[in-house]
C-alpha atoms as a PDB file:
ATOM      1  CA  MET A   1     -26.934  12.973  32.273  1.00  0.00           C
ATOM      2  CA  GLU A   2     -27.555  16.690  31.871  1.00  0.00           C
ATOM      3  CA  GLN A   3     -31.030  17.588  30.691  1.00  0.00           C
ATOM      4  CA  VAL A   4     -31.239  20.187  27.935  1.00  0.00           C
ATOM      5  CA  THR A   5     -34.242  22.450  27.646  1.00  0.00           C
ATOM      6  CA  LEU A   6     -34.688  24.019  24.242  1.00  0.00           C
ATOM      7  CA  PRO A   7     -37.341  26.318  22.856  1.00  0.00           C
ATOM      8  CA  ARG A   8     -40.254  24.268  21.561  1.00  0.00           C
ATOM      9  CA  GLU A   9     -40.078  23.513  17.861  1.00  0.00           C
ATOM     10  CA  THR A  10     -43.169  24.405  15.869  1.00  0.00           C
ATOM     11  CA  GLY A  11     -42.613  21.969  13.003  1.00  0.00           C
ATOM     12  CA  TYR A  12     -40.280  20.790  10.314  1.00  0.00           C
ATOM     13  CA  ASN A  13     -40.157  20.413   6.532  1.00  0.00           C
ATOM     14  CA  SER A  14     -38.300  17.486   4.954  1.00  0.00           C
ATOM     15  CA  SER A  15     -39.577  17.890   1.387  1.00  0.00           C
ATOM     16  CA  LEU A  16     -36.089  18.834   0.150  1.00  0.00           C
ATOM     17  CA  SER A  17     -34.697  15.358   0.892  1.00  0.00           C
ATOM     18  CA  LYS A  18     -33.380  13.480  -2.154  1.00  0.00           C
ATOM     19  CA  GLY A  19     -31.934   9.962  -2.388  1.00  0.00           C
ATOM     20  CA  ASN A  20     -29.390   9.426   0.375  1.00  0.00           C
ATOM     21  CA  THR A  21     -29.324  13.107   1.344  1.00  0.00           C
ATOM     22  CA  VAL A  22     -31.633  14.278   4.102  1.00  0.00           C
ATOM     23  CA  HIS A  23     -32.532  17.957   4.378  1.00  0.00           C
ATOM     24  CA  ILE A  24     -34.560  19.071   7.371  1.00  0.00           C
ATOM     25  CA  ASP A  25     -35.616  22.631   8.140  1.00  0.00           C
ATOM     26  CA  VAL A  26     -36.597  23.118  11.783  1.00  0.00           C
ATOM     27  CA  LYS A  27     -38.983  25.939  12.640  1.00  0.00           C
ATOM     28  CA  ARG A  28     -39.067  27.161  16.182  1.00  0.00           C
ATOM     29  CA  SER A  29     -40.630  29.959  18.111  1.00  0.00           C
ATOM     30  CA  LYS A  30     -38.625  33.168  18.349  1.00  0.00           C
ATOM     31  CA  LYS A  31     -38.491  32.982  22.131  1.00  0.00           C
ATOM     32  CA  GLY A  32     -35.061  32.339  23.631  1.00  0.00           C
ATOM     33  CA  SER A  33     -31.758  31.535  22.065  1.00  0.00           C
ATOM     34  CA  TYR A  34     -30.415  28.148  21.185  1.00  0.00           C
ATOM     35  CA  ASP A  35     -27.041  26.415  20.992  1.00  0.00           C
ATOM     36  CA  ALA A  36     -26.332  24.550  17.750  1.00  0.00           C
ATOM     37  CA  GLU A  37     -24.541  21.742  19.614  1.00  0.00           C
ATOM     38  CA  LYS A  38     -27.581  21.201  21.850  1.00  0.00           C
ATOM     39  CA  LEU A  39     -29.843  21.023  18.788  1.00  0.00           C
ATOM     40  CA  LEU A  40     -27.594  18.402  17.199  1.00  0.00           C
ATOM     41  CA  GLU A  41     -27.710  16.349  20.397  1.00  0.00           C
ATOM     42  CA  LYS A  42     -31.493  16.741  20.787  1.00  0.00           C
ATOM     43  CA  PHE A  43     -32.170  15.446  17.269  1.00  0.00           C
ATOM     44  CA  LYS A  44     -29.489  12.763  17.717  1.00  0.00           C
ATOM     45  CA  LEU A  45     -27.560  14.005  14.705  1.00  0.00           C
ATOM     46  CA  THR A  46     -24.196  13.295  16.308  1.00  0.00           C
ATOM     47  CA  SER A  47     -22.685  10.131  17.670  1.00  0.00           C
ATOM     48  CA  SER A  48     -19.274   8.879  18.679  1.00  0.00           C
ATOM     49  CA  ILE A  49     -17.450   6.057  16.943  1.00  0.00           C
ATOM     50  CA  SER A  50     -15.016   3.767  18.719  1.00  0.00           C
ATOM     51  CA  MET A  51     -11.592   3.912  17.085  1.00  0.00           C
ATOM     52  CA  THR A  52     -10.003   1.192  19.205  1.00  0.00           C
ATOM     53  CA  ASN A  53     -11.088  -1.830  17.215  1.00  0.00           C
ATOM     54  CA  MET A  54     -10.168  -1.107  13.574  1.00  0.00           C
ATOM     55  CA  TYR A  55      -9.445  -4.117  11.392  1.00  0.00           C
ATOM     56  CA  MET A  56      -8.923  -4.022   7.625  1.00  0.00           C
ATOM     57  CA  PHE A  57      -7.351  -6.175   4.962  1.00  0.00           C
ATOM     58  CA  ASP A  58      -3.824  -5.028   4.146  1.00  0.00           C
ATOM     59  CA  PRO A  59      -2.490  -4.919   0.545  1.00  0.00           C
ATOM     60  CA  LYS A  60      -1.414  -8.575   0.857  1.00  0.00           C
ATOM     61  CA  GLY A  61      -4.970  -9.618   1.720  1.00  0.00           C
ATOM     62  CA  LYS A  62      -4.284 -10.355   5.391  1.00  0.00           C
ATOM     63  CA  LEU A  63      -6.488  -9.050   8.177  1.00  0.00           C
ATOM     64  CA  LYS A  64      -4.580  -6.416  10.146  1.00  0.00           C
ATOM     65  CA  LYS A  65      -5.415  -4.322  13.211  1.00  0.00           C
ATOM     66  CA  TYR A  66      -4.803  -0.586  12.922  1.00  0.00           C
ATOM     67  CA  ASP A  67      -4.303   1.624  15.960  1.00  0.00           C
ATOM     68  CA  THR A  68      -5.165   4.967  14.372  1.00  0.00           C
ATOM     69  CA  LEU A  69      -7.290   6.255  11.533  1.00  0.00           C
ATOM     70  CA  GLU A  70      -4.161   7.803   9.991  1.00  0.00           C
ATOM     71  CA  GLN A  71      -2.590   4.349   9.643  1.00  0.00           C
ATOM     72  CA  THR A  72      -5.563   3.099   7.627  1.00  0.00           C
ATOM     73  CA  VAL A  73      -5.533   6.174   5.383  1.00  0.00           C
ATOM     74  CA  ASN A  74      -1.770   5.905   4.798  1.00  0.00           C
ATOM     75  CA  GLU A  75      -2.042   2.206   3.977  1.00  0.00           C
ATOM     76  CA  GLU A  76      -4.853   2.880   1.490  1.00  0.00           C
ATOM     77  CA  ARG A  77      -2.887   5.728  -0.089  1.00  0.00           C
ATOM     78  CA  LEU A  78       0.216   3.537  -0.467  1.00  0.00           C
ATOM     79  CA  THR A  79      -1.844   0.764  -2.034  1.00  0.00           C
ATOM     80  CA  ARG A  80      -3.426   3.150  -4.538  1.00  0.00           C
ATOM     81  CA  ASN A  81      -0.069   4.745  -5.372  1.00  0.00           C
ATOM     82  CA  ARG A  82       1.452   1.298  -5.914  1.00  0.00           C
ATOM     83  CA  LYS A  83      -1.393   0.306  -8.255  1.00  0.00           C
ATOM     84  CA  GLU A  84      -1.012   3.569 -10.192  1.00  0.00           C
ATOM     85  CA  LEU A  85       2.747   3.061 -10.496  1.00  0.00           C
ATOM     86  CA  ILE A  86       2.270  -0.490 -11.783  1.00  0.00           C
ATOM     87  CA  SER A  87      -0.200   0.794 -14.389  1.00  0.00           C
ATOM     88  CA  LYS A  88       2.309   3.433 -15.502  1.00  0.00           C
ATOM     89  CA  LEU A  89       5.119   0.860 -15.667  1.00  0.00           C
ATOM     90  CA  LYS A  90       2.961  -1.371 -17.864  1.00  0.00           C
ATOM     91  CA  LEU A  91       2.054   1.597 -20.059  1.00  0.00           C
ATOM     92  CA  GLU A  92       5.755   2.478 -20.455  1.00  0.00           C
ATOM     93  CA  ARG A  93       6.438  -1.205 -21.280  1.00  0.00           C
ATOM     94  CA  PHE A  94       8.759  -1.968 -18.396  1.00  0.00           C
ATOM     95  CA  GLU A  95       9.318  -5.702 -18.058  1.00  0.00           C
ATOM     96  CA  PRO A  96       8.074  -7.490 -14.975  1.00  0.00           C
ATOM     97  CA  PHE A  97      10.842  -9.610 -13.476  1.00  0.00           C
ATOM     98  CA  SER A  98      10.750 -12.655 -11.262  1.00  0.00           C
ATOM     99  CA  MET A  99      13.653 -14.299  -9.474  1.00  0.00           C
ATOM    100  CA  ARG A 100      11.744 -17.595  -9.339  1.00  0.00           C
ATOM    101  CA  ASN A 101      10.145 -17.896 -12.760  1.00  0.00           C
ATOM    102  CA  LYS A 102      12.142 -18.544 -15.937  1.00  0.00           C
ATOM    103  CA  ASN A 103       9.440 -17.287 -18.297  1.00  0.00           C
ATOM    104  CA  GLN A 104      10.114 -13.814 -19.637  1.00  0.00           C
ATOM    105  CA  GLY A 105       7.238 -11.392 -19.054  1.00  0.00           C
ATOM    106  CA  THR A 106       6.035 -13.000 -15.840  1.00  0.00           C
ATOM    107  CA  GLY A 107       6.706 -11.714 -12.374  1.00  0.00           C
ATOM    108  CA  ASP A 108       6.223  -8.324 -10.807  1.00  0.00           C
ATOM    109  CA  TYR A 109       7.690  -4.849 -10.543  1.00  0.00           C
ATOM    110  CA  ASN A 110       9.081  -5.143  -7.020  1.00  0.00           C
ATOM    111  CA  TYR A 111      12.602  -4.695  -8.335  1.00  0.00           C
ATOM    112  CA  LEU A 112      11.572  -1.141  -9.286  1.00  0.00           C
ATOM    113  CA  LEU A 113       9.005  -0.369  -6.610  1.00  0.00           C
ATOM    114  CA  ASN A 114      11.353  -1.300  -3.759  1.00  0.00           C
ATOM    115  CA  TYR A 115      14.260   0.736  -5.128  1.00  0.00           C
ATOM    116  CA  PRO A 116      15.258   3.728  -2.951  1.00  0.00           C
ATOM    117  CA  PHE A 117      14.504   6.451  -5.504  1.00  0.00           C
ATOM    118  CA  CYS A 118      15.667   9.208  -3.178  1.00  0.00           C
ATOM    119  CA  ASP A 119      19.208   7.960  -3.884  1.00  0.00           C
ATOM    120  CA  ILE A 120      18.916   8.404  -7.663  1.00  0.00           C
ATOM    121  CA  ASP A 121      20.759  11.245  -9.304  1.00  0.00           C
ATOM    122  CA  ILE A 122      20.202  12.084 -12.991  1.00  0.00           C
ATOM    123  CA  ASN A 123      23.938  11.599 -13.559  1.00  0.00           C
ATOM    124  CA  GLU A 124      23.658   7.997 -12.341  1.00  0.00           C
ATOM    125  CA  LEU A 125      21.132   6.950 -14.987  1.00  0.00           C
ATOM    126  CA  PRO A 126      23.691   5.838 -17.625  1.00  0.00           C
ATOM    127  CA  LYS A 127      25.455   3.795 -14.947  1.00  0.00           C
ATOM    128  CA  LEU A 128      22.146   2.205 -13.903  1.00  0.00           C
ATOM    129  CA  PHE A 129      21.223   1.358 -17.506  1.00  0.00           C
ATOM    130  CA  GLU A 130      24.648  -0.267 -18.011  1.00  0.00           C
ATOM    131  CA  GLU A 131      24.237  -2.210 -14.777  1.00  0.00           C
ATOM    132  CA  LYS A 132      20.792  -3.371 -15.927  1.00  0.00           C
ATOM    133  CA  LYS A 133      22.256  -4.535 -19.238  1.00  0.00           C
ATOM    134  CA  GLN A 134      25.024  -6.487 -17.507  1.00  0.00           C
ATOM    135  CA  LEU A 135      22.604  -8.090 -15.065  1.00  0.00           C
ATOM    136  CA  GLN A 136      20.241  -9.040 -17.898  1.00  0.00           C
ATOM    137  CA  GLU A 137      23.152 -10.707 -19.745  1.00  0.00           C
ATOM    138  CA  LYS A 138      24.092 -12.580 -16.569  1.00  0.00           C
ATOM    139  CA  VAL A 139      20.492 -13.729 -16.095  1.00  0.00           C
ATOM    140  CA  ASN A 140      20.335 -14.907 -19.710  1.00  0.00           C
ATOM    141  CA  GLU A 141      23.560 -16.908 -19.248  1.00  0.00           C
ATOM    142  CA  LEU A 142      22.262 -18.490 -16.053  1.00  0.00           C
ATOM    143  CA  MET A 143      18.988 -19.428 -17.740  1.00  0.00           C
ATOM    144  CA  LYS A 144      20.959 -21.411 -20.338  1.00  0.00           C
ATOM    145  CA  GLU A 145      22.622 -23.506 -17.615  1.00  0.00           C
ATOM    146  CA  THR A 146      21.242 -26.859 -16.518  1.00  0.00           C
ATOM    147  CA  PRO A 147      21.007 -28.131 -12.949  1.00  0.00           C
ATOM    148  CA  LYS A 148      23.755 -30.644 -13.777  1.00  0.00           C
ATOM    149  CA  SER A 149      26.174 -27.895 -14.856  1.00  0.00           C
ATOM    150  CA  PHE A 150      25.505 -25.985 -11.625  1.00  0.00           C
ATOM    151  CA  TRP A 151      26.182 -29.156  -9.675  1.00  0.00           C
ATOM    152  CA  LEU A 152      29.472 -29.779 -11.505  1.00  0.00           C
ATOM    153  CA  LYS A 153      30.635 -26.188 -10.920  1.00  0.00           C
ATOM    154  CA  ASP A 154      29.800 -26.491  -7.214  1.00  0.00           C
ATOM    155  CA  LEU A 155      31.766 -29.764  -7.040  1.00  0.00           C
ATOM    156  CA  ASP A 156      34.784 -28.093  -8.694  1.00  0.00           C
ATOM    157  CA  VAL A 157      34.702 -25.288  -6.115  1.00  0.00           C
ATOM    158  CA  PHE A 158      34.332 -27.841  -3.309  1.00  0.00           C
ATOM    159  CA  GLU A 159      37.302 -29.901  -4.545  1.00  0.00           C
ATOM    160  CA  THR A 160      39.470 -26.772  -4.817  1.00  0.00           C
ATOM    161  CA  GLU A 161      38.563 -25.659  -1.287  1.00  0.00           C
ATOM    162  CA  LEU A 162      39.102 -29.192   0.063  1.00  0.00           C
ATOM    163  CA  LYS A 163      42.573 -29.447  -1.511  1.00  0.00           C
ATOM    164  CA  ALA A 164      43.497 -26.021  -0.092  1.00  0.00           C
ATOM    165  CA  LEU A 165      42.314 -27.075   3.363  1.00  0.00           C
ATOM    166  CA  GLN A 166      44.204 -30.394   3.162  1.00  0.00           C
ATOM    167  CA  GLY A 167      47.343 -28.495   2.109  1.00  0.00           C
ATOM    168  CA  GLU A 168      47.067 -26.261   5.179  1.00  0.00           C
ATOM    169  CA  ILE A 169      46.641 -29.243   7.495  1.00  0.00           C
ATOM    170  CA  ALA A 170      49.625 -31.207   6.064  1.00  0.00           C
END
């Protein structure tokens, strides 16, 4: 290790320190010049941090290893943006939607958040609203169905396909 020789300090004043902030004025003799980097090292005001072992919880709550600091910052930014978007969607009274839950008003906003917005053109909005209306009507019709009616429809399709297959074989 290289030894650094600095001009001898004559004292210091730390009376300006407040709370978590430390303020130190170093007084030194006027003899010789000094290098700021060497002063920082001498007073141990710098240190290195290992960036090879970074683990954080991802937005899904799972522990994940990150290779770079940029990855952690990007992940945090995406999580914050997603939370802000969800707040705005709630404020604008968009309905959460769930493919698994029959109750209206439950679910999430993934159907909007995962949509490739770079593909949207202002001229497509009426088409998208019409498509939403048709899909909502379809969902409402399906919600009225019972498991038995689904089963009977599936059996009808099966019988039709079976008869067509038997006709081809004969």
